[in-house]
Amino acid sequence: MNILENISIENLENSPGNTLLNKLYYIKKDVFSDNDRIIFSCFSEVSTQTLHHIEWCCYYLDIPFFFVICNTNQIAVKEFFAQIDKDITLIEDKSIVPPLNNKSSAKPIFYNDSLCTHPWSGFHVYPDGSTSVCCEFEGKIGEYNIKKDSFEDILHSPEMSEIRKTFRDQGTPKQCNSCVKKEKQGFKSKRNLVVHKHKNILKDIDFESEGKLLFLGGHLGNLCNLKCRICSSMYSSSIAAEDVKFGTQSEKTKAMLYLKENVWTSKKNNIWQHIKKHTSLSNFEILGGETLLQRENLDYIQWLIDNNKSKDCIFEIVTNGTTIPDALKNQSHKFFHFNITVSIDNILDRFELERHGAKWDDVNKNIDMLLSLSNCSVSINITISLLNVYYLPEILDWLKEKNIDDDHCHLNVLTYPSFMSIYSLRESFKISVIEKLKQYNDNKITPILKIVEAASLNDGMDFVKYMKNKDSIRREDFALSHPEVARCYYEQENEK
């Protein structure tokens, strides 16, 4: 028998919470030899929570239980391991018990469903440089800005420390209400997904500490080639340019500021040079603007490869799918994992109106190409709004044609601007959507249908005004591409 590791369960109860995951991460093999074994030894009483942590770590790292031995004289421990998997070998041999560490009063904080790794691992950046815990967090990290404050000062700020304390005390910060709400509604929350998105760094996150810079995410600028109808000048330079020309005075003022402050280039700041100095960073989630138009993002990907760092990195890019640089096509396999999330929201001519500047055939072909890349997972992000909720069945059918499974399809519900949210709808449209969605048999429909059924009512005139304004500026016709929505919302105008 080749013992890969003999782990004292008693020691785990007096060690940092990431101890076991760290040990197993480095001894795990893609293919174990027949005589390889991992032993968990225990000859005194331990908590059930610790046993559940062992089970979770083995499942998380996909370690077959055939290679696990439980060495114990504790009946409760034997029974626990026996019910996990019949392939686990149970023995009782005190001669191979590892030495116990000195007892400590500190209790480990094991990862669990109520914890979120974001406050310990890094932070999220907005186009103006302001920071937050993650993209779902309600609020900012004080007045901290990545353009003027050090990364360490942001991560270890009093605000972030207070958030970590709340999680340690088994609470959930009030600013994390978005995740709580999503989970109650049946959606995948950021907290649900982070355990997968941070798979390369979870072993290094010490929940008992104040955190270590391992992750960077967010909008490193707002350079974008599209004018999406659910977006704004804050996140799209193209919309900002349009607002400068056609917007109200307030919209023009904001747009001019965003064009000045939110379009990042290496000539304007040295953010990318600062990022390169932080060698502990190995997990990234880069959003736009349009991420793949920003040369600095691509240069940084190449820098990770050239410096032999990419093999330890999970790199996630959120893109509109309109452009796929050759460098990306040839480099994804050099990363621990590479994930590309394409935001589409709709298909065919409806897609082209909702994402002005994009061509459906081109994006559809680009998605096919991405799906063919090695060591690259492709996800589709759909933001549900008044524009596309009626057409959700057609979008889900398209996903099935692409063989994109539920794990790689993310539904988000738009909350702002409120006049495009499905939380408040015109009565005739609400009735129409409920009737349509009830006819479609798919579990992903259920939480959306519940929101629509509970939606409050409004006259929809803000929505009509907005859509007609964009139609006029862009020489488009919402009623042609989205006739079922227009019929319900424009009928009040036609009645006048």
Protein backbone atom coordinates (compact mmCIF):
# COMPACT_ATOMS: atom_id res chain seq x y z
CA MET A 1 0.00 0.00 0.00
CA ASN A 2 1.30 3.44 -0.97
CA ILE A 3 0.09 5.91 1.68
CA LEU A 4 -0.21 9.31 0.01
CA GLU A 5 -1.14 11.01 3.29
CA ASN A 6 -2.17 9.94 6.79
CA ILE A 7 -4.35 12.71 8.18
CA SER A 8 -5.34 13.07 11.80
CA ILE A 9 -8.98 14.12 12.05
CA GLU A 10 -8.30 15.47 15.56
CA ASN A 11 -5.60 17.73 14.12
CA LEU A 12 -8.04 19.11 11.54
CA GLU A 13 -10.20 20.37 14.40
CA ASN A 14 -7.31 22.51 15.62
CA SER A 15 -5.92 23.70 12.30
CA PRO A 16 -6.92 26.47 9.87
CA GLY A 17 -10.06 25.62 7.92
CA ASN A 18 -8.22 25.35 4.58
CA THR A 19 -5.69 22.76 5.89
CA LEU A 20 -7.38 19.66 4.51
CA LEU A 21 -8.27 21.14 1.14
CA ASN A 22 -4.67 22.28 0.76
CA LYS A 23 -3.29 18.83 1.59
CA LEU A 24 -5.68 16.98 -0.72
CA TYR A 25 -5.20 19.44 -3.57
CA TYR A 26 -1.51 18.61 -3.86
CA ILE A 27 -1.79 14.83 -3.45
CA LYS A 28 -4.77 14.40 -5.76
CA LYS A 29 -3.95 12.63 -9.01
CA ASP A 30 -5.77 12.59 -12.31
CA VAL A 31 -5.30 8.83 -12.21
CA PHE A 32 -4.55 7.05 -8.92
CA SER A 33 -2.54 3.84 -8.80
CA ASP A 34 -4.38 0.79 -7.51
CA ASN A 35 -2.33 0.75 -4.30
CA ASP A 36 -2.57 4.51 -3.55
CA ARG A 37 -4.43 5.33 -0.33
CA ILE A 38 -5.35 8.39 1.76
CA ILE A 39 -5.89 7.55 5.44
CA PHE A 40 -8.06 9.52 7.85
CA SER A 41 -7.21 8.49 11.42
CA CYS A 42 -9.24 9.20 14.53
CA PHE A 43 -9.02 7.69 18.03
CA SER A 44 -10.97 10.22 20.06
CA GLU A 45 -14.29 12.00 19.73
CA VAL A 46 -14.59 14.56 16.90
CA SER A 47 -17.44 16.76 15.69
CA THR A 48 -19.78 15.79 12.90
CA GLN A 49 -19.01 19.13 11.27
CA THR A 50 -15.39 18.04 10.79
CA LEU A 51 -16.51 14.75 9.22
CA HIS A 52 -18.82 16.58 6.83
CA HIS A 53 -15.87 18.82 5.89
CA ILE A 54 -13.79 15.76 4.97
CA GLU A 55 -16.64 14.43 2.84
CA TRP A 56 -17.09 17.81 1.12
CA CYS A 57 -13.36 18.19 0.33
CA CYS A 58 -13.19 14.74 -1.26
CA TYR A 59 -16.24 15.43 -3.39
CA TYR A 60 -15.01 18.91 -4.28
CA LEU A 61 -11.65 17.63 -5.53
CA ASP A 62 -13.24 14.54 -7.12
CA ILE A 63 -11.19 12.06 -5.10
CA PRO A 64 -12.68 8.54 -5.53
CA PHE A 65 -13.59 7.04 -2.17
CA PHE A 66 -12.07 3.72 -3.25
CA PHE A 67 -8.70 5.27 -2.35
CA VAL A 68 -9.84 6.42 1.12
CA ILE A 69 -9.23 4.50 4.35
CA CYS A 70 -10.86 5.41 7.66
CA ASN A 71 -8.69 4.32 10.59
CA THR A 72 -10.67 4.67 13.83
CA ASN A 73 -12.06 3.06 16.95
CA GLN A 74 -14.89 5.58 17.17
CA ILE A 75 -18.24 3.98 16.32
CA ALA A 76 -19.82 7.28 15.21
CA VAL A 77 -16.92 7.97 12.84
CA LYS A 78 -17.09 4.44 11.39
CA GLU A 79 -20.82 4.81 10.79
CA PHE A 80 -20.34 8.21 9.14
CA PHE A 81 -17.70 6.98 6.68
CA ALA A 82 -19.66 3.78 6.00
CA GLN A 83 -22.71 5.75 4.89
CA ILE A 84 -20.66 8.06 2.63
CA ASP A 85 -19.56 5.31 0.24
CA LYS A 86 -19.32 1.53 0.36
CA ASP A 87 -15.85 1.68 -1.24
CA ILE A 88 -14.27 3.34 1.82
CA THR A 89 -12.14 0.85 3.76
CA LEU A 90 -12.63 0.81 7.55
CA ILE A 91 -9.73 -0.30 9.75
CA GLU A 92 -8.59 0.07 13.37
CA ASP A 93 -4.81 0.25 13.65
CA LYS A 94 -3.25 2.47 16.33
CA SER A 95 0.25 1.72 15.03
CA ILE A 96 -0.24 4.07 12.08
CA VAL A 97 -1.88 6.98 13.90
CA PRO A 98 -0.14 10.32 13.10
CA PRO A 99 1.00 12.41 16.10
CA LEU A 100 -1.45 14.93 17.51
CA ASN A 101 -0.70 18.64 17.34
CA ASN A 102 -0.80 20.72 20.49
CA LYS A 103 -4.35 21.63 21.33
CA SER A 104 -5.43 25.11 20.37
CA SER A 105 -8.39 27.16 21.54
CA ALA A 106 -8.99 28.37 17.96
CA LYS A 107 -11.69 26.60 15.99
CA PRO A 108 -11.30 26.25 12.22
CA ILE A 109 -13.82 27.93 9.96
CA PHE A 110 -14.67 25.35 7.31
CA TYR A 111 -16.10 26.45 3.99
CA ASN A 112 -19.90 26.13 3.97
CA ASP A 113 -22.87 27.38 1.97
CA SER A 114 -23.25 30.51 4.09
CA LEU A 115 -19.65 31.63 3.44
CA CYS A 116 -18.44 33.59 0.42
CA THR A 117 -14.78 33.60 -0.60
CA HIS A 118 -14.85 37.06 -2.20
CA PRO A 119 -14.17 39.16 0.95
CA TRP A 120 -11.02 37.11 1.67
CA SER A 121 -9.59 36.84 -1.85
CA GLY A 122 -9.80 40.21 -3.59
CA PHE A 123 -12.26 42.79 -4.87
CA HIS A 124 -14.36 44.01 -7.77
CA VAL A 125 -13.56 47.14 -9.79
CA TYR A 126 -15.99 49.50 -11.52
CA PRO A 127 -15.13 51.47 -14.69
CA ASP A 128 -14.33 54.62 -12.71
CA GLY A 129 -11.91 52.67 -10.49
CA SER A 130 -14.16 52.51 -7.42
CA THR A 131 -14.28 49.14 -5.72
CA SER A 132 -16.72 46.67 -4.24
CA VAL A 133 -16.65 43.17 -2.79
CA CYS A 134 -18.18 41.67 -5.94
CA CYS A 135 -20.49 42.71 -8.75
CA GLU A 136 -23.58 41.73 -6.71
CA PHE A 137 -22.55 43.60 -3.56
CA GLU A 138 -24.84 46.53 -2.78
CA GLY A 139 -22.49 49.43 -2.28
CA LYS A 140 -18.81 50.30 -2.49
CA ILE A 141 -15.75 49.72 -0.30
CA GLY A 142 -15.74 53.18 1.22
CA GLU A 143 -14.03 55.77 -0.97
CA TYR A 144 -11.32 53.38 -2.11
CA ASN A 145 -10.31 53.55 -5.78
CA ILE A 146 -7.91 51.24 -7.59
CA LYS A 147 -6.39 54.25 -9.40
CA LYS A 148 -5.16 55.84 -6.17
CA ASP A 149 -5.20 53.23 -3.40
CA SER A 150 -3.02 50.16 -3.01
CA PHE A 151 -4.61 46.77 -3.55
CA GLU A 152 -3.67 45.74 -0.01
CA ASP A 153 -5.29 48.83 1.52
CA ILE A 154 -8.52 48.00 -0.28
CA LEU A 155 -8.55 44.31 0.71
CA HIS A 156 -7.63 45.06 4.32
CA SER A 157 -9.82 48.14 4.70
CA PRO A 158 -12.04 48.49 7.80
CA GLU A 159 -15.09 47.99 5.57
CA MET A 160 -13.83 44.65 4.24
CA SER A 161 -12.75 43.52 7.72
CA GLU A 162 -16.26 44.15 9.03
CA ILE A 163 -17.75 42.06 6.19
CA ARG A 164 -15.40 39.18 6.97
CA LYS A 165 -16.30 39.39 10.65
CA THR A 166 -20.01 39.12 9.84
CA PHE A 167 -19.40 35.97 7.80
CA ARG A 168 -17.20 34.48 10.53
CA ASP A 169 -20.03 35.08 13.00
CA GLN A 170 -22.23 32.96 10.70
CA GLY A 171 -24.18 35.95 9.45
CA THR A 172 -24.66 37.45 6.00
CA PRO A 173 -23.85 41.14 5.47
CA LYS A 174 -26.91 43.21 4.56
CA GLN A 175 -25.11 44.38 1.41
CA CYS A 176 -25.16 40.75 0.20
CA ASN A 177 -28.94 40.76 -0.05
CA SER A 178 -28.80 40.23 -3.82
CA CYS A 179 -27.34 36.73 -3.38
CA VAL A 180 -29.80 35.89 -0.61
CA LYS A 181 -32.69 37.03 -2.82
CA LYS A 182 -31.46 35.03 -5.82
CA GLU A 183 -31.06 31.87 -3.76
CA LYS A 184 -34.60 32.21 -2.39
CA GLN A 185 -35.92 32.69 -5.93
CA GLY A 186 -34.18 29.55 -7.15
CA PHE A 187 -31.36 31.20 -9.11
CA LYS A 188 -27.63 30.54 -8.89
CA SER A 189 -26.11 33.33 -6.83
CA LYS A 190 -22.58 34.69 -6.91
CA ARG A 191 -22.06 32.91 -3.60
CA ASN A 192 -23.23 29.61 -5.14
CA LEU A 193 -20.94 29.97 -8.14
CA VAL A 194 -17.82 31.23 -6.39
CA VAL A 195 -16.87 27.80 -5.05
CA HIS A 196 -16.42 26.72 -8.69
CA LYS A 197 -15.01 29.98 -10.02
CA HIS A 198 -12.39 30.08 -7.24
CA LYS A 199 -11.46 26.40 -7.44
CA ASN A 200 -7.77 27.19 -7.93
CA ILE A 201 -7.57 29.49 -4.89
CA LEU A 202 -10.04 28.08 -2.35
CA LYS A 203 -7.27 25.94 -0.84
CA ASP A 204 -5.31 29.13 -0.08
CA ILE A 205 -8.14 31.07 1.56
CA ASP A 206 -7.72 31.20 5.31
CA PHE A 207 -11.08 32.25 6.73
CA GLU A 208 -9.52 32.84 10.14
CA SER A 209 -7.24 35.55 8.67
CA GLU A 210 -7.86 38.93 7.06
CA GLY A 211 -7.38 37.66 3.55
CA LYS A 212 -4.77 37.49 0.80
CA LEU A 213 -4.86 39.05 -2.66
CA LEU A 214 -5.67 36.14 -4.98
CA PHE A 215 -8.52 37.47 -7.12
CA LEU A 216 -9.24 40.51 -9.24
CA GLY A 217 -12.48 41.11 -11.07
CA GLY A 218 -14.53 43.83 -12.64
CA HIS A 219 -14.60 46.45 -15.35
CA LEU A 220 -11.13 47.68 -16.24
CA GLY A 221 -12.64 50.41 -18.40
CA ASN A 222 -15.81 50.85 -20.48
CA LEU A 223 -14.48 50.64 -24.04
CA CYS A 224 -17.28 48.97 -26.03
CA ASN A 225 -18.43 48.59 -29.63
CA LEU A 226 -22.12 48.02 -28.84
CA LYS A 227 -25.07 50.08 -27.61
CA CYS A 228 -27.16 47.56 -25.69
CA ARG A 229 -30.62 48.79 -24.75
CA ILE A 230 -30.29 47.60 -21.16
CA CYS A 231 -26.83 49.20 -20.73
CA SER A 232 -25.67 52.75 -19.99
CA SER A 233 -22.89 55.21 -20.73
CA MET A 234 -21.12 54.13 -17.53
CA TYR A 235 -20.35 50.72 -19.05
CA SER A 236 -20.23 51.51 -22.78
CA SER A 237 -18.13 54.15 -24.50
CA SER A 238 -20.40 53.84 -27.57
CA ILE A 239 -23.47 54.73 -25.53
CA ALA A 240 -21.53 57.56 -23.90
CA ALA A 241 -20.66 58.98 -27.33
CA GLU A 242 -24.32 58.66 -28.36
CA ASP A 243 -25.50 60.43 -25.20
CA VAL A 244 -23.06 63.29 -25.78
CA LYS A 245 -24.68 63.83 -29.16
CA PHE A 246 -28.35 63.09 -28.48
CA GLY A 247 -28.85 62.96 -24.70
CA THR A 248 -30.39 65.39 -22.25
CA GLN A 249 -28.08 67.85 -20.53
CA SER A 250 -27.80 65.52 -17.55
CA GLU A 251 -27.02 62.54 -19.80
CA LYS A 252 -24.44 64.58 -21.73
CA THR A 253 -22.67 65.64 -18.53
CA LYS A 254 -22.46 62.07 -17.25
CA ALA A 255 -21.38 60.72 -20.63
CA MET A 256 -18.58 63.24 -21.00
CA LEU A 257 -17.30 62.32 -17.54
CA TYR A 258 -17.43 58.60 -18.37
CA LEU A 259 -15.57 59.12 -21.64
CA LYS A 260 -12.86 60.89 -19.68
CA GLU A 261 -12.63 58.67 -16.59
CA ASN A 262 -13.92 55.24 -17.63
CA VAL A 263 -11.99 54.58 -20.84
CA TRP A 264 -8.76 53.10 -19.49
CA THR A 265 -5.56 52.91 -21.48
CA SER A 266 -2.01 52.17 -20.41
CA LYS A 267 -1.11 55.73 -21.36
CA LYS A 268 -3.55 57.17 -18.83
CA ASN A 269 -2.61 54.96 -15.89
CA ASN A 270 -0.34 52.11 -14.84
CA ILE A 271 -3.02 49.76 -13.49
CA TRP A 272 -1.73 46.81 -15.50
CA GLN A 273 1.79 47.38 -14.22
CA HIS A 274 0.45 47.37 -10.66
CA ILE A 275 -1.43 44.14 -11.37
CA LYS A 276 1.74 42.48 -12.65
CA LYS A 277 3.52 43.31 -9.39
CA HIS A 278 0.98 41.30 -7.41
CA THR A 279 2.30 37.83 -8.13
CA SER A 280 -0.19 36.18 -5.76
CA LEU A 281 -3.04 37.00 -8.19
CA SER A 282 -4.14 33.84 -9.95
CA ASN A 283 -7.88 34.22 -10.42
CA PHE A 284 -9.50 36.77 -12.72
CA GLU A 285 -12.99 37.72 -13.88
CA ILE A 286 -12.73 40.54 -16.38
CA LEU A 287 -15.84 42.35 -17.60
CA GLY A 288 -16.39 45.27 -19.96
CA GLY A 289 -17.18 47.40 -21.83
CA GLU A 290 -16.11 44.83 -24.32
CA THR A 291 -13.23 43.01 -22.71
CA LEU A 292 -11.68 41.67 -25.90
CA LEU A 293 -11.40 45.10 -27.50
CA GLN A 294 -9.10 46.30 -24.75
CA ARG A 295 -5.54 45.59 -25.85
CA GLU A 296 -4.23 45.69 -22.28
CA ASN A 297 -6.40 42.72 -21.26
CA LEU A 298 -4.97 40.61 -24.08
CA ASP A 299 -1.43 41.76 -23.32
CA TYR A 300 -1.87 40.72 -19.70
CA ILE A 301 -3.08 37.26 -20.75
CA GLN A 302 0.06 36.92 -22.84
CA TRP A 303 2.18 38.17 -19.94
CA LEU A 304 0.79 35.42 -17.70
CA ILE A 305 1.71 32.84 -20.34
CA ASP A 306 5.18 34.25 -20.99
CA ASN A 307 5.95 34.28 -17.26
CA ASN A 308 4.77 30.69 -16.70
CA LYS A 309 1.91 31.84 -14.45
CA SER A 310 -1.06 30.90 -16.62
CA LYS A 311 -0.96 27.20 -15.68
CA ASP A 312 -2.12 28.12 -12.16
CA CYS A 313 -4.74 30.67 -13.24
CA ILE A 314 -8.46 30.56 -13.76
CA PHE A 315 -9.21 33.37 -16.17
CA GLU A 316 -12.80 34.33 -16.94
CA ILE A 317 -13.75 36.80 -19.61
CA VAL A 318 -17.23 38.19 -20.12
CA THR A 319 -17.72 39.26 -23.73
CA ASN A 320 -20.44 40.28 -26.17
CA GLY A 321 -19.08 37.71 -28.63
CA THR A 322 -18.55 40.09 -31.52
CA THR A 323 -14.78 39.66 -31.68
CA ILE A 324 -12.53 36.71 -30.85
CA PRO A 325 -8.83 37.61 -31.15
CA ASP A 326 -6.51 34.99 -32.66
CA ALA A 327 -4.35 35.14 -29.53
CA LEU A 328 -7.26 33.88 -27.47
CA LYS A 329 -7.99 31.00 -29.83
CA ASN A 330 -4.44 29.71 -29.45
CA GLN A 331 -3.82 30.29 -25.75
CA SER A 332 -6.75 28.99 -23.71
CA HIS A 333 -5.19 25.54 -23.18
CA LYS A 334 -2.23 27.11 -21.36
CA PHE A 335 -4.36 28.03 -18.33
CA PHE A 336 -5.48 25.99 -15.34
CA HIS A 337 -8.88 26.82 -16.74
CA PHE A 338 -10.23 29.41 -19.12
CA ASN A 339 -13.88 30.41 -19.14
CA ILE A 340 -15.61 32.68 -21.61
CA THR A 341 -19.07 33.94 -20.78
CA VAL A 342 -20.98 35.37 -23.72
CA SER A 343 -23.83 37.77 -22.95
CA ILE A 344 -26.57 37.44 -25.55
CA ASP A 345 -30.05 38.09 -23.97
CA ASN A 346 -31.89 37.18 -27.20
CA ILE A 347 -31.50 35.65 -30.66
CA LEU A 348 -31.90 36.61 -34.34
CA ASP A 349 -33.26 40.08 -35.16
CA ARG A 350 -34.29 40.66 -31.55
CA PHE A 351 -30.66 40.18 -30.52
CA GLU A 352 -29.51 42.75 -33.08
CA LEU A 353 -31.94 45.39 -31.84
CA GLU A 354 -31.19 44.78 -28.16
CA ARG A 355 -27.44 44.82 -28.81
CA HIS A 356 -27.10 47.52 -31.44
CA GLY A 357 -23.95 47.06 -33.52
CA ALA A 358 -23.83 43.25 -33.28
CA LYS A 359 -24.76 40.79 -36.03
CA TRP A 360 -26.46 37.60 -34.88
CA ASP A 361 -24.90 35.34 -37.53
CA ASP A 362 -21.39 36.50 -36.59
CA VAL A 363 -21.90 36.04 -32.86
CA ASN A 364 -23.56 32.66 -33.38
CA LYS A 365 -20.54 31.46 -35.40
CA ASN A 366 -18.14 32.86 -32.81
CA ILE A 367 -19.89 30.88 -30.07
CA ASP A 368 -19.46 27.70 -32.14
CA MET A 369 -15.77 28.44 -32.47
CA LEU A 370 -15.40 29.05 -28.74
CA LEU A 371 -17.14 25.78 -27.97
CA SER A 372 -14.44 23.99 -29.97
CA LEU A 373 -11.50 25.40 -27.95
CA SER A 374 -9.53 23.05 -25.69
CA ASN A 375 -9.56 23.59 -21.91
CA CYS A 376 -12.11 26.36 -22.33
CA SER A 377 -15.63 26.30 -20.96
CA VAL A 378 -18.23 28.51 -22.58
CA SER A 379 -21.14 29.92 -20.62
CA ILE A 380 -24.08 31.99 -21.79
CA ASN A 381 -25.34 34.84 -19.65
CA ILE A 382 -28.93 35.98 -20.18
CA THR A 383 -30.19 39.07 -18.42
CA ILE A 384 -33.96 38.77 -18.17
CA SER A 385 -35.80 42.02 -18.80
CA LEU A 386 -39.04 43.29 -20.25
CA LEU A 387 -37.37 43.00 -23.66
CA ASN A 388 -36.76 39.26 -23.69
CA VAL A 389 -38.89 37.57 -21.00
CA TYR A 390 -41.62 36.69 -23.54
CA TYR A 391 -39.03 35.08 -25.82
CA LEU A 392 -37.23 33.08 -23.13
CA PRO A 393 -38.52 29.69 -24.45
CA GLU A 394 -36.99 30.38 -27.87
CA ILE A 395 -33.68 31.36 -26.27
CA LEU A 396 -33.60 28.20 -24.15
CA ASP A 397 -34.35 26.08 -27.22
CA TRP A 398 -31.37 27.68 -28.96
CA LEU A 399 -29.18 26.78 -25.95
CA LYS A 400 -30.31 23.17 -26.20
CA GLU A 401 -29.39 23.12 -29.89
CA LYS A 402 -25.89 24.26 -28.88
CA ASN A 403 -25.72 21.52 -26.20
CA ILE A 404 -25.09 24.18 -23.55
CA ASP A 405 -26.18 22.62 -20.25
CA ASP A 406 -27.71 24.21 -17.16
CA ASP A 407 -24.33 24.62 -15.46
CA HIS A 408 -23.23 26.90 -18.29
CA CYS A 409 -26.42 28.92 -18.64
CA HIS A 410 -26.80 31.79 -16.19
CA LEU A 411 -30.04 33.75 -15.85
CA ASN A 412 -29.96 37.15 -14.20
CA VAL A 413 -32.94 39.40 -13.63
CA LEU A 414 -32.54 43.07 -14.47
CA THR A 415 -33.49 45.47 -11.68
CA TYR A 416 -32.28 48.77 -13.17
CA PRO A 417 -33.60 50.72 -14.97
CA SER A 418 -36.83 49.76 -13.24
CA PHE A 419 -39.02 50.50 -16.28
CA MET A 420 -37.37 47.54 -18.07
CA SER A 421 -37.54 45.17 -15.11
CA ILE A 422 -39.97 42.24 -14.95
CA TYR A 423 -40.77 43.11 -11.33
CA SER A 424 -43.30 45.65 -12.63
CA LEU A 425 -45.24 45.11 -15.87
CA ARG A 426 -48.17 46.36 -17.87
CA GLU A 427 -51.18 44.16 -17.10
CA SER A 428 -51.81 42.96 -20.65
CA PHE A 429 -48.15 41.99 -21.07
CA LYS A 430 -48.04 40.25 -17.71
CA ILE A 431 -50.99 38.07 -18.72
CA SER A 432 -49.39 37.34 -22.09
CA VAL A 433 -46.03 36.31 -20.57
CA ILE A 434 -47.61 34.06 -17.94
CA GLU A 435 -49.63 32.27 -20.61
CA LYS A 436 -46.53 31.79 -22.79
CA LEU A 437 -44.15 30.62 -20.06
CA LYS A 438 -46.62 28.17 -18.54
CA GLN A 439 -46.62 26.26 -21.81
CA TYR A 440 -42.86 25.68 -21.72
CA ASN A 441 -41.51 22.73 -19.74
CA ASP A 442 -38.12 23.75 -18.34
CA ASN A 443 -37.03 24.13 -14.72
CA LYS A 444 -35.19 27.37 -15.52
CA ILE A 445 -38.53 28.96 -16.39
CA THR A 446 -40.01 28.37 -12.93
CA PRO A 447 -38.27 31.17 -10.94
CA ILE A 448 -38.86 33.63 -13.80
CA LEU A 449 -42.53 32.73 -13.95
CA LYS A 450 -42.88 33.27 -10.20
CA ILE A 451 -41.42 36.76 -10.50
CA VAL A 452 -43.76 37.64 -13.36
CA GLU A 453 -46.79 36.29 -11.48
CA ALA A 454 -45.89 38.45 -8.47
CA ALA A 455 -45.01 41.53 -10.54
CA SER A 456 -46.72 44.82 -9.70
CA LEU A 457 -48.53 46.75 -12.42
CA ASN A 458 -47.61 49.99 -14.20
CA ASP A 459 -48.71 51.83 -17.32
CA GLY A 460 -45.40 51.23 -19.11
CA MET A 461 -45.14 54.76 -20.51
CA ASP A 462 -41.52 55.26 -19.34
CA PHE A 463 -40.60 52.11 -21.24
CA VAL A 464 -42.42 53.26 -24.39
CA LYS A 465 -40.77 56.68 -24.25
CA TYR A 466 -37.32 55.13 -23.88
CA MET A 467 -37.79 52.62 -26.72
CA LYS A 468 -39.18 55.20 -29.15
CA ASN A 469 -36.31 57.55 -28.35
CA LYS A 470 -33.73 54.85 -29.10
CA ASP A 471 -35.61 53.87 -32.26
CA SER A 472 -35.47 57.47 -33.46
CA ILE A 473 -31.76 57.92 -32.71
CA ARG A 474 -30.70 54.57 -34.16
CA ARG A 475 -33.23 54.38 -37.00
CA GLU A 476 -34.65 51.08 -35.73
CA ASP A 477 -38.15 49.78 -35.06
CA PHE A 478 -38.71 47.90 -31.84
CA ALA A 479 -42.24 46.96 -32.95
CA LEU A 480 -40.87 45.03 -35.94
CA SER A 481 -38.42 42.86 -34.00
CA HIS A 482 -40.49 42.53 -30.79
CA PRO A 483 -44.11 42.68 -32.03
CA GLU A 484 -45.61 40.78 -29.07
CA VAL A 485 -44.10 43.20 -26.55
CA ALA A 486 -44.91 46.29 -28.61
CA ARG A 487 -48.49 45.18 -29.06
CA CYS A 488 -49.06 45.25 -25.30
CA TYR A 489 -47.09 48.40 -24.55
CA TYR A 490 -47.97 50.53 -27.54
CA GLU A 491 -51.71 49.77 -27.39
CA GLN A 492 -52.24 52.50 -24.82
CA GLU A 493 -50.71 55.05 -27.21
CA ASN A 494 -52.84 53.78 -30.05
CA GLU A 495 -55.98 54.17 -27.95
CA LYS A 496 -55.37 57.88 -27.44
